[in-house]
Amino acid sequence: MSREEYEEYQKQMVEEKMERDAEYAIRKAERACLRTCLREKYRIPKVGDDIDVPEELIKMVDGEAPQEEEKESIIGQMQNLQNMDMGQLKEKAQATFVEMKSKAEEKCTLT
C-alpha cells in the first residue's frame, strides 16, 4: 500500500468514525427522549430519586424473602416438581389462556 493509498484509507476511516459517532449521538438522544416520555407517562421517578414505598409492601417483601430463597435452590425446585399435579397445572394454564384471550378480544376489536 502506497503512502497516498494509506492516507486515503485513514481519511475514510476518520469519516466513517464521524458518521458512526453522529448516528450514535442521534440514537442516544432518541433513547433519552423515550425514557423521559415514559417516565412522565407512567410517573416513574429517575434513579436516585426518593421513592415512597408503603410500609405494608415493605413488610410483604421482607416476609417473602426467605421463602423465595428456599424455592430458588435446586432441592426446593425438585420438591416442587414432585408435589406438582400435572392435570391441575394443565387446567389452570388453559383457564388462564382462555381468560387472557377473552380480555384481549374485549380490548381489541378486529374489523
PDB file of N, CA and C in Angstrom:
ATOM      1  N   MET A   1       0.845  -1.164   0.000  1.00  0.00           N
ATOM      2  CA  MET A   1       0.000   0.000   0.000  1.00  0.00           C
ATOM      3  C   MET A   1       0.898   1.236   0.000  1.00  0.00           C
ATOM      4  N   SER A   2       0.663   2.112  -0.947  1.00  0.00           N
ATOM      5  CA  SER A   2       1.485   3.323  -1.045  1.00  0.00           C
ATOM      6  C   SER A   2       1.055   4.332   0.016  1.00  0.00           C
ATOM      7  N   ARG A   3       1.848   5.363   0.157  1.00  0.00           N
ATOM      8  CA  ARG A   3       1.576   6.399   1.152  1.00  0.00           C
ATOM      9  C   ARG A   3       0.255   7.105   0.847  1.00  0.00           C
ATOM     10  N   GLU A   4      -0.009   7.375  -0.429  1.00  0.00           N
ATOM     11  CA  GLU A   4      -1.249   8.054  -0.823  1.00  0.00           C
ATOM     12  C   GLU A   4      -2.466   7.169  -0.519  1.00  0.00           C
ATOM     13  N   GLU A   5      -2.343   5.883  -0.818  1.00  0.00           N
ATOM     14  CA  GLU A   5      -3.440   4.963  -0.519  1.00  0.00           C
ATOM     15  C   GLU A   5      -3.682   4.880   0.985  1.00  0.00           C
ATOM     16  N   TYR A   6      -2.607   4.868   1.745  1.00  0.00           N
ATOM     17  CA  TYR A   6      -2.730   4.803   3.192  1.00  0.00           C
ATOM     18  C   TYR A   6      -3.418   6.051   3.746  1.00  0.00           C
ATOM     19  N   GLU A   7      -3.031   7.216   3.244  1.00  0.00           N
ATOM     20  CA  GLU A   7      -3.652   8.468   3.682  1.00  0.00           C
ATOM     21  C   GLU A   7      -5.134   8.493   3.309  1.00  0.00           C
ATOM     22  N   GLU A   8      -5.478   8.001   2.125  1.00  0.00           N
ATOM     23  CA  GLU A   8      -6.879   7.927   1.700  1.00  0.00           C
ATOM     24  C   GLU A   8      -7.654   6.969   2.606  1.00  0.00           C
ATOM     25  N   TYR A   9      -7.022   5.852   2.912  1.00  0.00           N
ATOM     26  CA  TYR A   9      -7.653   4.882   3.811  1.00  0.00           C
ATOM     27  C   TYR A   9      -7.897   5.503   5.183  1.00  0.00           C
ATOM     28  N   GLN A  10      -6.896   6.209   5.717  1.00  0.00           N
ATOM     29  CA  GLN A  10      -7.051   6.856   7.016  1.00  0.00           C
ATOM     30  C   GLN A  10      -8.169   7.895   6.975  1.00  0.00           C
ATOM     31  N   LYS A  11      -8.260   8.638   5.881  1.00  0.00           N
ATOM     32  CA  LYS A  11      -9.299   9.649   5.738  1.00  0.00           C
ATOM     33  C   LYS A  11     -10.684   8.986   5.738  1.00  0.00           C
ATOM     34  N   GLN A  12     -10.810   7.866   5.036  1.00  0.00           N
ATOM     35  CA  GLN A  12     -12.068   7.136   5.005  1.00  0.00           C
ATOM     36  C   GLN A  12     -12.431   6.626   6.397  1.00  0.00           C
ATOM     37  N   MET A  13     -11.440   6.133   7.102  1.00  0.00           N
ATOM     38  CA  MET A  13     -11.690   5.628   8.453  1.00  0.00           C
ATOM     39  C   MET A  13     -12.187   6.746   9.374  1.00  0.00           C
ATOM     40  N   VAL A  14     -11.581   7.925   9.266  1.00  0.00           N
ATOM     41  CA  VAL A  14     -11.998   9.057  10.090  1.00  0.00           C
ATOM     42  C   VAL A  14     -13.417   9.475   9.735  1.00  0.00           C
ATOM     43  N   GLU A  15     -13.736   9.524   8.444  1.00  0.00           N
ATOM     44  CA  GLU A  15     -15.082   9.894   8.008  1.00  0.00           C
ATOM     45  C   GLU A  15     -16.116   8.879   8.500  1.00  0.00           C
ATOM     46  N   GLU A  16     -15.805   7.580   8.390  1.00  0.00           N
ATOM     47  CA  GLU A  16     -16.724   6.543   8.867  1.00  0.00           C
ATOM     48  C   GLU A  16     -16.936   6.645  10.373  1.00  0.00           C
ATOM     49  N   LYS A  17     -15.858   6.932  11.097  1.00  0.00           N
ATOM     50  CA  LYS A  17     -15.981   7.077  12.545  1.00  0.00           C
ATOM     51  C   LYS A  17     -16.858   8.271  12.884  1.00  0.00           C
ATOM     52  N   MET A  18     -16.723   9.349  12.169  1.00  0.00           N
ATOM     53  CA  MET A  18     -17.548  10.532  12.420  1.00  0.00           C
ATOM     54  C   MET A  18     -19.020  10.216  12.135  1.00  0.00           C
ATOM     55  N   GLU A  19     -19.286   9.459  11.075  1.00  0.00           N
ATOM     56  CA  GLU A  19     -20.660   9.067  10.751  1.00  0.00           C
ATOM     57  C   GLU A  19     -21.242   8.176  11.850  1.00  0.00           C
ATOM     58  N   ARG A  20     -20.444   7.190  12.301  1.00  0.00           N
ATOM     59  CA  ARG A  20     -20.913   6.307  13.367  1.00  0.00           C
ATOM     60  C   ARG A  20     -21.181   7.088  14.648  1.00  0.00           C
ATOM     61  N   ASP A  21     -20.282   8.020  14.982  1.00  0.00           N
ATOM     62  CA  ASP A  21     -20.467   8.827  16.183  1.00  0.00           C
ATOM     63  C   ASP A  21     -21.729   9.681  16.081  1.00  0.00           C
ATOM     64  N   ALA A  22     -22.000  10.225  14.902  1.00  0.00           N
ATOM     65  CA  ALA A  22     -23.202  11.040  14.707  1.00  0.00           C
ATOM     66  C   ALA A  22     -24.455  10.173  14.856  1.00  0.00           C
ATOM     67  N   GLU A  23     -24.448   8.984  14.249  1.00  0.00           N
ATOM     68  CA  GLU A  23     -25.586   8.067  14.369  1.00  0.00           C
ATOM     69  C   GLU A  23     -25.784   7.651  15.829  1.00  0.00           C
ATOM     70  N   TYR A  24     -24.696   7.403  16.529  1.00  0.00           N
ATOM     71  CA  TYR A  24     -24.776   7.018  17.929  1.00  0.00           C
ATOM     72  C   TYR A  24     -25.380   8.152  18.757  1.00  0.00           C
ATOM     73  N   ALA A  25     -24.956   9.376  18.503  1.00  0.00           N
ATOM     74  CA  ALA A  25     -25.482  10.522  19.246  1.00  0.00           C
ATOM     75  C   ALA A  25     -26.982  10.673  18.998  1.00  0.00           C
ATOM     76  N   ILE A  26     -27.417  10.448  17.760  1.00  0.00           N
ATOM     77  CA  ILE A  26     -28.839  10.544  17.437  1.00  0.00           C
ATOM     78  C   ILE A  26     -29.613   9.465  18.187  1.00  0.00           C
ATOM     79  N   ARG A  27     -29.127   8.209  18.141  1.00  0.00           N
ATOM     80  CA  ARG A  27     -29.809   7.114  18.841  1.00  0.00           C
ATOM     81  C   ARG A  27     -29.846   7.364  20.351  1.00  0.00           C
ATOM     82  N   LYS A  28     -28.747   7.898  20.881  1.00  0.00           N
ATOM     83  CA  LYS A  28     -28.683   8.181  22.311  1.00  0.00           C
ATOM     84  C   LYS A  28     -29.711   9.253  22.691  1.00  0.00           C
ATOM     85  N   ALA A  29     -29.851  10.277  21.866  1.00  0.00           N
ATOM     86  CA  ALA A  29     -30.835  11.323  22.127  1.00  0.00           C
ATOM     87  C   ALA A  29     -32.261  10.780  22.021  1.00  0.00           C
ATOM     88  N   GLU A  30     -32.501   9.904  21.045  1.00  0.00           N
ATOM     89  CA  GLU A  30     -33.834   9.307  20.897  1.00  0.00           C
ATOM     90  C   GLU A  30     -34.185   8.466  22.116  1.00  0.00           C
ATOM     91  N   ARG A  31     -33.232   7.679  22.613  1.00  0.00           N
ATOM     92  CA  ARG A  31     -33.489   6.855  23.795  1.00  0.00           C
ATOM     93  C   ARG A  31     -33.759   7.722  25.022  1.00  0.00           C
ATOM     94  N   ALA A  32     -32.999   8.815  25.160  1.00  0.00           N
ATOM     95  CA  ALA A  32     -33.208   9.713  26.292  1.00  0.00           C
ATOM     96  C   ALA A  32     -34.596  10.345  26.224  1.00  0.00           C
ATOM     97  N   CYS A  33     -35.015  10.720  25.027  1.00  0.00           N
ATOM     98  CA  CYS A  33     -36.347  11.297  24.847  1.00  0.00           C
ATOM     99  C   CYS A  33     -37.425  10.267  25.193  1.00  0.00           C
ATOM    100  N   LEU A  34     -37.247   9.044  24.740  1.00  0.00           N
ATOM    101  CA  LEU A  34     -38.205   7.984  25.032  1.00  0.00           C
ATOM    102  C   LEU A  34     -38.277   7.716  26.534  1.00  0.00           C
ATOM    103  N   ARG A  35     -37.128   7.655  27.202  1.00  0.00           N
ATOM    104  CA  ARG A  35     -37.119   7.443  28.653  1.00  0.00           C
ATOM    105  C   ARG A  35     -37.873   8.559  29.368  1.00  0.00           C
ATOM    106  N   THR A  36     -37.636   9.800  28.935  1.00  0.00           N
ATOM    107  CA  THR A  36     -38.310  10.936  29.555  1.00  0.00           C
ATOM    108  C   THR A  36     -39.813  10.847  29.359  1.00  0.00           C
ATOM    109  N   CYS A  37     -40.228  10.524  28.141  1.00  0.00           N
ATOM    110  CA  CYS A  37     -41.665  10.406  27.861  1.00  0.00           C
ATOM    111  C   CYS A  37     -42.307   9.301  28.692  1.00  0.00           C
ATOM    112  N   LEU A  38     -41.642   8.155  28.792  1.00  0.00           N
ATOM    113  CA  LEU A  38     -42.184   7.048  29.582  1.00  0.00           C
ATOM    114  C   LEU A  38     -42.241   7.395  31.062  1.00  0.00           C
ATOM    115  N   ARG A  39     -41.200   8.088  31.562  1.00  0.00           N
ATOM    116  CA  ARG A  39     -41.217   8.486  32.970  1.00  0.00           C
ATOM    117  C   ARG A  39     -42.390   9.417  33.253  1.00  0.00           C
ATOM    118  N   GLU A  40     -42.626  10.355  32.339  1.00  0.00           N
ATOM    119  CA  GLU A  40     -43.737  11.288  32.533  1.00  0.00           C
ATOM    120  C   GLU A  40     -45.073  10.566  32.433  1.00  0.00           C
ATOM    121  N   LYS A  41     -45.210   9.680  31.437  1.00  0.00           N
ATOM    122  CA  LYS A  41     -46.477   8.997  31.217  1.00  0.00           C
ATOM    123  C   LYS A  41     -46.850   8.103  32.400  1.00  0.00           C
ATOM    124  N   TYR A  42     -45.887   7.326  32.890  1.00  0.00           N
ATOM    125  CA  TYR A  42     -46.165   6.373  33.960  1.00  0.00           C
ATOM    126  C   TYR A  42     -45.730   6.878  35.337  1.00  0.00           C
ATOM    127  N   ARG A  43     -45.317   8.133  35.393  1.00  0.00           N
ATOM    128  CA  ARG A  43     -44.899   8.777  36.648  1.00  0.00           C
ATOM    129  C   ARG A  43     -43.817   7.969  37.359  1.00  0.00           C
ATOM    130  N   ILE A  44     -42.810   7.597  36.606  1.00  0.00           N
ATOM    131  CA  ILE A  44     -41.697   6.827  37.152  1.00  0.00           C
ATOM    132  C   ILE A  44     -40.595   7.806  37.556  1.00  0.00           C
ATOM    133  N   PRO A  45     -40.108   7.729  38.804  1.00  0.00           N
ATOM    134  CA  PRO A  45     -39.038   8.643  39.209  1.00  0.00           C
ATOM    135  C   PRO A  45     -37.705   8.224  38.602  1.00  0.00           C
ATOM    136  N   LYS A  46     -36.814   9.191  38.481  1.00  0.00           N
ATOM    137  CA  LYS A  46     -35.472   8.881  37.998  1.00  0.00           C
ATOM    138  C   LYS A  46     -34.745   8.070  39.058  1.00  0.00           C
ATOM    139  N   VAL A  47     -33.734   7.336  38.624  1.00  0.00           N
ATOM    140  CA  VAL A  47     -32.934   6.561  39.577  1.00  0.00           C
ATOM    141  C   VAL A  47     -32.239   7.549  40.499  1.00  0.00           C
ATOM    142  N   GLY A  48     -32.293   7.262  41.766  1.00  0.00           N
ATOM    143  CA  GLY A  48     -31.674   8.152  42.734  1.00  0.00           C
ATOM    144  C   GLY A  48     -32.692   9.031  43.434  1.00  0.00           C
ATOM    145  N   ASP A  49     -33.870   9.192  42.829  1.00  0.00           N
ATOM    146  CA  ASP A  49     -34.929   9.947  43.490  1.00  0.00           C
ATOM    147  C   ASP A  49     -35.495   9.108  44.623  1.00  0.00           C
ATOM    148  N   ASP A  50     -35.974   9.769  45.647  1.00  0.00           N
ATOM    149  CA  ASP A  50     -36.602   9.045  46.757  1.00  0.00           C
ATOM    150  C   ASP A  50     -37.943   8.494  46.303  1.00  0.00           C
ATOM    151  N   ILE A  51     -38.172   7.249  46.627  1.00  0.00           N
ATOM    152  CA  ILE A  51     -39.426   6.599  46.269  1.00  0.00           C
ATOM    153  C   ILE A  51     -40.152   6.272  47.567  1.00  0.00           C
ATOM    154  N   ASP A  52     -41.400   6.674  47.652  1.00  0.00           N
ATOM    155  CA  ASP A  52     -42.206   6.373  48.827  1.00  0.00           C
ATOM    156  C   ASP A  52     -42.865   5.021  48.637  1.00  0.00           C
ATOM    157  N   VAL A  53     -42.438   4.056  49.428  1.00  0.00           N
ATOM    158  CA  VAL A  53     -42.995   2.709  49.366  1.00  0.00           C
ATOM    159  C   VAL A  53     -43.855   2.503  50.606  1.00  0.00           C
ATOM    160  N   PRO A  54     -45.090   2.069  50.421  1.00  0.00           N
ATOM    161  CA  PRO A  54     -45.947   1.827  51.590  1.00  0.00           C
ATOM    162  C   PRO A  54     -45.336   0.788  52.526  1.00  0.00           C
ATOM    163  N   GLU A  55     -45.560   0.981  53.814  1.00  0.00           N
ATOM    164  CA  GLU A  55     -44.984   0.075  54.810  1.00  0.00           C
ATOM    165  C   GLU A  55     -45.498  -1.349  54.662  1.00  0.00           C
ATOM    166  N   GLU A  56     -46.783  -1.494  54.267  1.00  0.00           N
ATOM    167  CA  GLU A  56     -47.332  -2.833  54.089  1.00  0.00           C
ATOM    168  C   GLU A  56     -46.570  -3.593  53.008  1.00  0.00           C
ATOM    169  N   LEU A  57     -46.214  -2.876  51.959  1.00  0.00           N
ATOM    170  CA  LEU A  57     -45.468  -3.510  50.866  1.00  0.00           C
ATOM    171  C   LEU A  57     -44.082  -3.917  51.323  1.00  0.00           C
ATOM    172  N   ILE A  58     -43.448  -3.075  52.101  1.00  0.00           N
ATOM    173  CA  ILE A  58     -42.115  -3.405  52.624  1.00  0.00           C
ATOM    174  C   ILE A  58     -42.192  -4.660  53.491  1.00  0.00           C
ATOM    175  N   LYS A  59     -43.228  -4.735  54.349  1.00  0.00           N
ATOM    176  CA  LYS A  59     -43.392  -5.911  55.210  1.00  0.00           C
ATOM    177  C   LYS A  59     -43.638  -7.167  54.385  1.00  0.00           C
ATOM    178  N   MET A  60     -44.449  -7.020  53.323  1.00  0.00           N
ATOM    179  CA  MET A  60     -44.727  -8.177  52.470  1.00  0.00           C
ATOM    180  C   MET A  60     -43.453  -8.675  51.806  1.00  0.00           C
ATOM    181  N   VAL A  61     -42.665  -7.752  51.293  1.00  0.00           N
ATOM    182  CA  VAL A  61     -41.432  -8.137  50.603  1.00  0.00           C
ATOM    183  C   VAL A  61     -40.452  -8.760  51.581  1.00  0.00           C
ATOM    184  N   ASP A  62     -40.306  -8.149  52.754  1.00  0.00           N
ATOM    185  CA  ASP A  62     -39.394  -8.700  53.760  1.00  0.00           C
ATOM    186  C   ASP A  62     -39.847 -10.074  54.232  1.00  0.00           C
ATOM    187  N   GLY A  63     -41.139 -10.281  54.355  1.00  0.00           N
ATOM    188  CA  GLY A  63     -41.670 -11.560  54.830  1.00  0.00           C
ATOM    189  C   GLY A  63     -41.509 -12.669  53.814  1.00  0.00           C
ATOM    190  N   GLU A  64     -41.501 -12.358  52.524  1.00  0.00           N
ATOM    191  CA  GLU A  64     -41.429 -13.381  51.490  1.00  0.00           C
ATOM    192  C   GLU A  64     -40.000 -13.709  51.075  1.00  0.00           C
ATOM    193  N   ALA A  65     -39.040 -12.922  51.467  1.00  0.00           N
ATOM    194  CA  ALA A  65     -37.668 -13.130  51.025  1.00  0.00           C
ATOM    195  C   ALA A  65     -37.123 -14.515  51.371  1.00  0.00           C
ATOM    196  N   PRO A  66     -37.275 -15.020  52.604  1.00  0.00           N
ATOM    197  CA  PRO A  66     -36.725 -16.349  52.908  1.00  0.00           C
ATOM    198  C   PRO A  66     -37.398 -17.464  52.100  1.00  0.00           C
ATOM    199  N   GLN A  67     -38.693 -17.345  51.853  1.00  0.00           N
ATOM    200  CA  GLN A  67     -39.393 -18.371  51.089  1.00  0.00           C
ATOM    201  C   GLN A  67     -38.876 -18.431  49.658  1.00  0.00           C
ATOM    202  N   GLU A  68     -38.617 -17.258  49.070  1.00  0.00           N
ATOM    203  CA  GLU A  68     -38.130 -17.228  47.694  1.00  0.00           C
ATOM    204  C   GLU A  68     -36.750 -17.863  47.592  1.00  0.00           C
ATOM    205  N   GLU A  69     -35.895 -17.602  48.578  1.00  0.00           N
ATOM    206  CA  GLU A  69     -34.567 -18.204  48.548  1.00  0.00           C
ATOM    207  C   GLU A  69     -34.668 -19.719  48.604  1.00  0.00           C
ATOM    208  N   GLU A  70     -35.592 -20.214  49.387  1.00  0.00           N
ATOM    209  CA  GLU A  70     -35.791 -21.643  49.517  1.00  0.00           C
ATOM    210  C   GLU A  70     -36.254 -22.248  48.197  1.00  0.00           C
ATOM    211  N   LYS A  71     -37.153 -21.560  47.508  1.00  0.00           N
ATOM    212  CA  LYS A  71     -37.686 -22.058  46.242  1.00  0.00           C
ATOM    213  C   LYS A  71     -36.642 -21.997  45.131  1.00  0.00           C
ATOM    214  N   GLU A  72     -35.688 -21.064  45.223  1.00  0.00           N
ATOM    215  CA  GLU A  72     -34.693 -20.905  44.176  1.00  0.00           C
ATOM    216  C   GLU A  72     -33.640 -22.003  44.203  1.00  0.00           C
ATOM    217  N   SER A  73     -33.460 -22.679  45.317  1.00  0.00           N
ATOM    218  CA  SER A  73     -32.449 -23.722  45.385  1.00  0.00           C
ATOM    219  C   SER A  73     -32.886 -24.918  44.542  1.00  0.00           C
ATOM    220  N   ILE A  74     -31.941 -25.705  44.138  1.00  0.00           N
ATOM    221  CA  ILE A  74     -32.227 -26.874  43.296  1.00  0.00           C
ATOM    222  C   ILE A  74     -33.086 -27.876  44.055  1.00  0.00           C
ATOM    223  N   ILE A  75     -32.786 -28.066  45.318  1.00  0.00           N
ATOM    224  CA  ILE A  75     -33.562 -29.021  46.128  1.00  0.00           C
ATOM    225  C   ILE A  75     -35.003 -28.544  46.251  1.00  0.00           C
ATOM    226  N   GLY A  76     -35.194 -27.234  46.471  1.00  0.00           N
ATOM    227  CA  GLY A  76     -36.544 -26.687  46.556  1.00  0.00           C
ATOM    228  C   GLY A  76     -37.307 -26.890  45.260  1.00  0.00           C
ATOM    229  N   GLN A  77     -36.639 -26.737  44.126  1.00  0.00           N
ATOM    230  CA  GLN A  77     -37.282 -26.943  42.831  1.00  0.00           C
ATOM    231  C   GLN A  77     -37.638 -28.416  42.634  1.00  0.00           C
ATOM    232  N   MET A  78     -36.763 -29.310  43.046  1.00  0.00           N
ATOM    233  CA  MET A  78     -37.038 -30.741  42.906  1.00  0.00           C
ATOM    234  C   MET A  78     -38.271 -31.132  43.732  1.00  0.00           C
ATOM    235  N   GLN A  79     -38.380 -30.597  44.947  1.00  0.00           N
ATOM    236  CA  GLN A  79     -39.533 -30.899  45.786  1.00  0.00           C
ATOM    237  C   GLN A  79     -40.819 -30.366  45.169  1.00  0.00           C
ATOM    238  N   ASN A  80     -40.730 -29.206  44.564  1.00  0.00           N
ATOM    239  CA  ASN A  80     -41.912 -28.637  43.903  1.00  0.00           C
ATOM    240  C   ASN A  80     -42.356 -29.507  42.738  1.00  0.00           C
ATOM    241  N   LEU A  81     -41.426 -30.083  42.004  1.00  0.00           N
ATOM    242  CA  LEU A  81     -41.777 -30.932  40.864  1.00  0.00           C
ATOM    243  C   LEU A  81     -42.469 -32.213  41.320  1.00  0.00           C
ATOM    244  N   GLN A  82     -42.017 -32.757  42.435  1.00  0.00           N
ATOM    245  CA  GLN A  82     -42.617 -33.989  42.932  1.00  0.00           C
ATOM    246  C   GLN A  82     -44.040 -33.757  43.422  1.00  0.00           C
ATOM    247  N   ASN A  83     -44.305 -32.597  43.987  1.00  0.00           N
ATOM    248  CA  ASN A  83     -45.619 -32.298  44.560  1.00  0.00           C
ATOM    249  C   ASN A  83     -46.603 -31.733  43.536  1.00  0.00           C
ATOM    250  N   MET A  84     -46.169 -31.573  42.293  1.00  0.00           N
ATOM    251  CA  MET A  84     -46.984 -30.904  41.295  1.00  0.00           C
ATOM    252  C   MET A  84     -47.990 -31.868  40.658  1.00  0.00           C
ATOM    253  N   ASP A  85     -49.231 -31.427  40.558  1.00  0.00           N
ATOM    254  CA  ASP A  85     -50.288 -32.188  39.905  1.00  0.00           C
ATOM    255  C   ASP A  85     -50.395 -31.683  38.466  1.00  0.00           C
ATOM    256  N   MET A  86     -49.960 -32.478  37.521  1.00  0.00           N
ATOM    257  CA  MET A  86     -49.901 -32.046  36.118  1.00  0.00           C
ATOM    258  C   MET A  86     -51.285 -31.761  35.545  1.00  0.00           C
ATOM    259  N   GLY A  87     -52.277 -32.533  35.902  1.00  0.00           N
ATOM    260  CA  GLY A  87     -53.636 -32.292  35.407  1.00  0.00           C
ATOM    261  C   GLY A  87     -54.154 -30.944  35.862  1.00  0.00           C
ATOM    262  N   GLN A  88     -53.931 -30.656  37.135  1.00  0.00           N
ATOM    263  CA  GLN A  88     -54.379 -29.383  37.682  1.00  0.00           C
ATOM    264  C   GLN A  88     -53.610 -28.230  37.040  1.00  0.00           C
ATOM    265  N   LEU A  89     -52.315 -28.424  36.831  1.00  0.00           N
ATOM    266  CA  LEU A  89     -51.498 -27.400  36.197  1.00  0.00           C
ATOM    267  C   LEU A  89     -51.974 -27.123  34.774  1.00  0.00           C
ATOM    268  N   LYS A  90     -52.308 -28.192  34.042  1.00  0.00           N
ATOM    269  CA  LYS A  90     -52.787 -28.037  32.668  1.00  0.00           C
ATOM    270  C   LYS A  90     -54.110 -27.282  32.641  1.00  0.00           C
ATOM    271  N   GLU A  91     -55.012 -27.630  33.552  1.00  0.00           N
ATOM    272  CA  GLU A  91     -56.310 -26.947  33.627  1.00  0.00           C
ATOM    273  C   GLU A  91     -56.129 -25.467  33.952  1.00  0.00           C
ATOM    274  N   LYS A  92     -55.249 -25.186  34.888  1.00  0.00           N
ATOM    275  CA  LYS A  92     -55.008 -23.796  35.273  1.00  0.00           C
ATOM    276  C   LYS A  92     -54.414 -23.008  34.109  1.00  0.00           C
ATOM    277  N   ALA A  93     -53.485 -23.620  33.376  1.00  0.00           N
ATOM    278  CA  ALA A  93     -52.878 -22.949  32.227  1.00  0.00           C
ATOM    279  C   ALA A  93     -53.921 -22.669  31.151  1.00  0.00           C
ATOM    280  N   GLN A  94     -54.788 -23.641  30.885  1.00  0.00           N
ATOM    281  CA  GLN A  94     -55.829 -23.446  29.880  1.00  0.00           C
ATOM    282  C   GLN A  94     -56.812 -22.366  30.315  1.00  0.00           C
ATOM    283  N   ALA A  95     -57.176 -22.356  31.596  1.00  0.00           N
ATOM    284  CA  ALA A  95     -58.102 -21.337  32.096  1.00  0.00           C
ATOM    285  C   ALA A  95     -57.480 -19.949  31.979  1.00  0.00           C
ATOM    286  N   THR A  96     -56.202 -19.859  32.306  1.00  0.00           N
ATOM    287  CA  THR A  96     -55.509 -18.571  32.193  1.00  0.00           C
ATOM    288  C   THR A  96     -55.461 -18.119  30.742  1.00  0.00           C
ATOM    289  N   PHE A  97     -55.185 -19.046  29.842  1.00  0.00           N
ATOM    290  CA  PHE A  97     -55.137 -18.715  28.419  1.00  0.00           C
ATOM    291  C   PHE A  97     -56.496 -18.231  27.922  1.00  0.00           C
ATOM    292  N   VAL A  98     -57.544 -18.928  28.297  1.00  0.00           N
ATOM    293  CA  VAL A  98     -58.889 -18.529  27.865  1.00  0.00           C
ATOM    294  C   VAL A  98     -59.233 -17.147  28.422  1.00  0.00           C
ATOM    295  N   GLU A  99     -58.887 -16.918  29.681  1.00  0.00           N
ATOM    296  CA  GLU A  99     -59.170 -15.624  30.303  1.00  0.00           C
ATOM    297  C   GLU A  99     -58.409 -14.500  29.602  1.00  0.00           C
ATOM    298  N   MET A 100     -57.125 -14.737  29.322  1.00  0.00           N
ATOM    299  CA  MET A 100     -56.324 -13.723  28.628  1.00  0.00           C
ATOM    300  C   MET A 100     -56.863 -13.470  27.229  1.00  0.00           C
ATOM    301  N   LYS A 101     -57.259 -14.520  26.560  1.00  0.00           N
ATOM    302  CA  LYS A 101     -57.787 -14.384  25.207  1.00  0.00           C
ATOM    303  C   LYS A 101     -59.079 -13.568  25.209  1.00  0.00           C
ATOM    304  N   SER A 102     -59.963 -13.840  26.168  1.00  0.00           N
ATOM    305  CA  SER A 102     -61.231 -13.102  26.220  1.00  0.00           C
ATOM    306  C   SER A 102     -60.993 -11.626  26.558  1.00  0.00           C
ATOM    307  N   LYS A 103     -60.063 -11.352  27.458  1.00  0.00           N
ATOM    308  CA  LYS A 103     -59.750  -9.958  27.794  1.00  0.00           C
ATOM    309  C   LYS A 103     -59.151  -9.242  26.585  1.00  0.00           C
ATOM    310  N   ALA A 104     -58.287  -9.935  25.848  1.00  0.00           N
ATOM    311  CA  ALA A 104     -57.693  -9.337  24.656  1.00  0.00           C
ATOM    312  C   ALA A 104     -58.749  -9.056  23.605  1.00  0.00           C
ATOM    313  N   GLU A 105     -59.702  -9.984  23.455  1.00  0.00           N
ATOM    314  CA  GLU A 105     -60.768  -9.789  22.465  1.00  0.00           C
ATOM    315  C   GLU A 105     -61.660  -8.616  22.858  1.00  0.00           C
ATOM    316  N   GLU A 106     -61.855  -8.419  24.178  1.00  0.00           N
ATOM    317  CA  GLU A 106     -62.665  -7.291  24.639  1.00  0.00           C
ATOM    318  C   GLU A 106     -61.975  -5.963  24.311  1.00  0.00           C
ATOM    319  N   LYS A 107     -60.677  -5.939  24.517  1.00  0.00           N
ATOM    320  CA  LYS A 107     -59.926  -4.686  24.320  1.00  0.00           C
ATOM    321  C   LYS A 107     -59.645  -4.418  22.860  1.00  0.00           C
ATOM    322  N   CYS A 108     -59.407  -5.437  22.082  1.00  0.00           N
ATOM    323  CA  CYS A 108     -59.017  -5.267  20.691  1.00  0.00           C
ATOM    324  C   CYS A 108     -60.155  -5.757  19.796  1.00  0.00           C
ATOM    325  N   THR A 109     -60.711  -4.846  19.045  1.00  0.00           N
ATOM    326  CA  THR A 109     -61.758  -5.247  18.123  1.00  0.00           C
ATOM    327  C   THR A 109     -61.172  -5.316  16.725  1.00  0.00           C
ATOM    328  N   LEU A 110     -61.403  -6.411  16.060  1.00  0.00           N
ATOM    329  CA  LEU A 110     -60.910  -6.593  14.710  1.00  0.00           C
ATOM    330  C   LEU A 110     -62.022  -6.253  13.734  1.00  0.00           C
ATOM    331  N   THR A 111     -61.650  -5.504  12.701  1.00  0.00           N
ATOM    332  CA  THR A 111     -62.643  -5.134  11.694  1.00  0.00           C
ATOM    333  C   THR A 111     -62.275  -5.694  10.358  1.00  0.00           C
TER     334      THR A 111
END
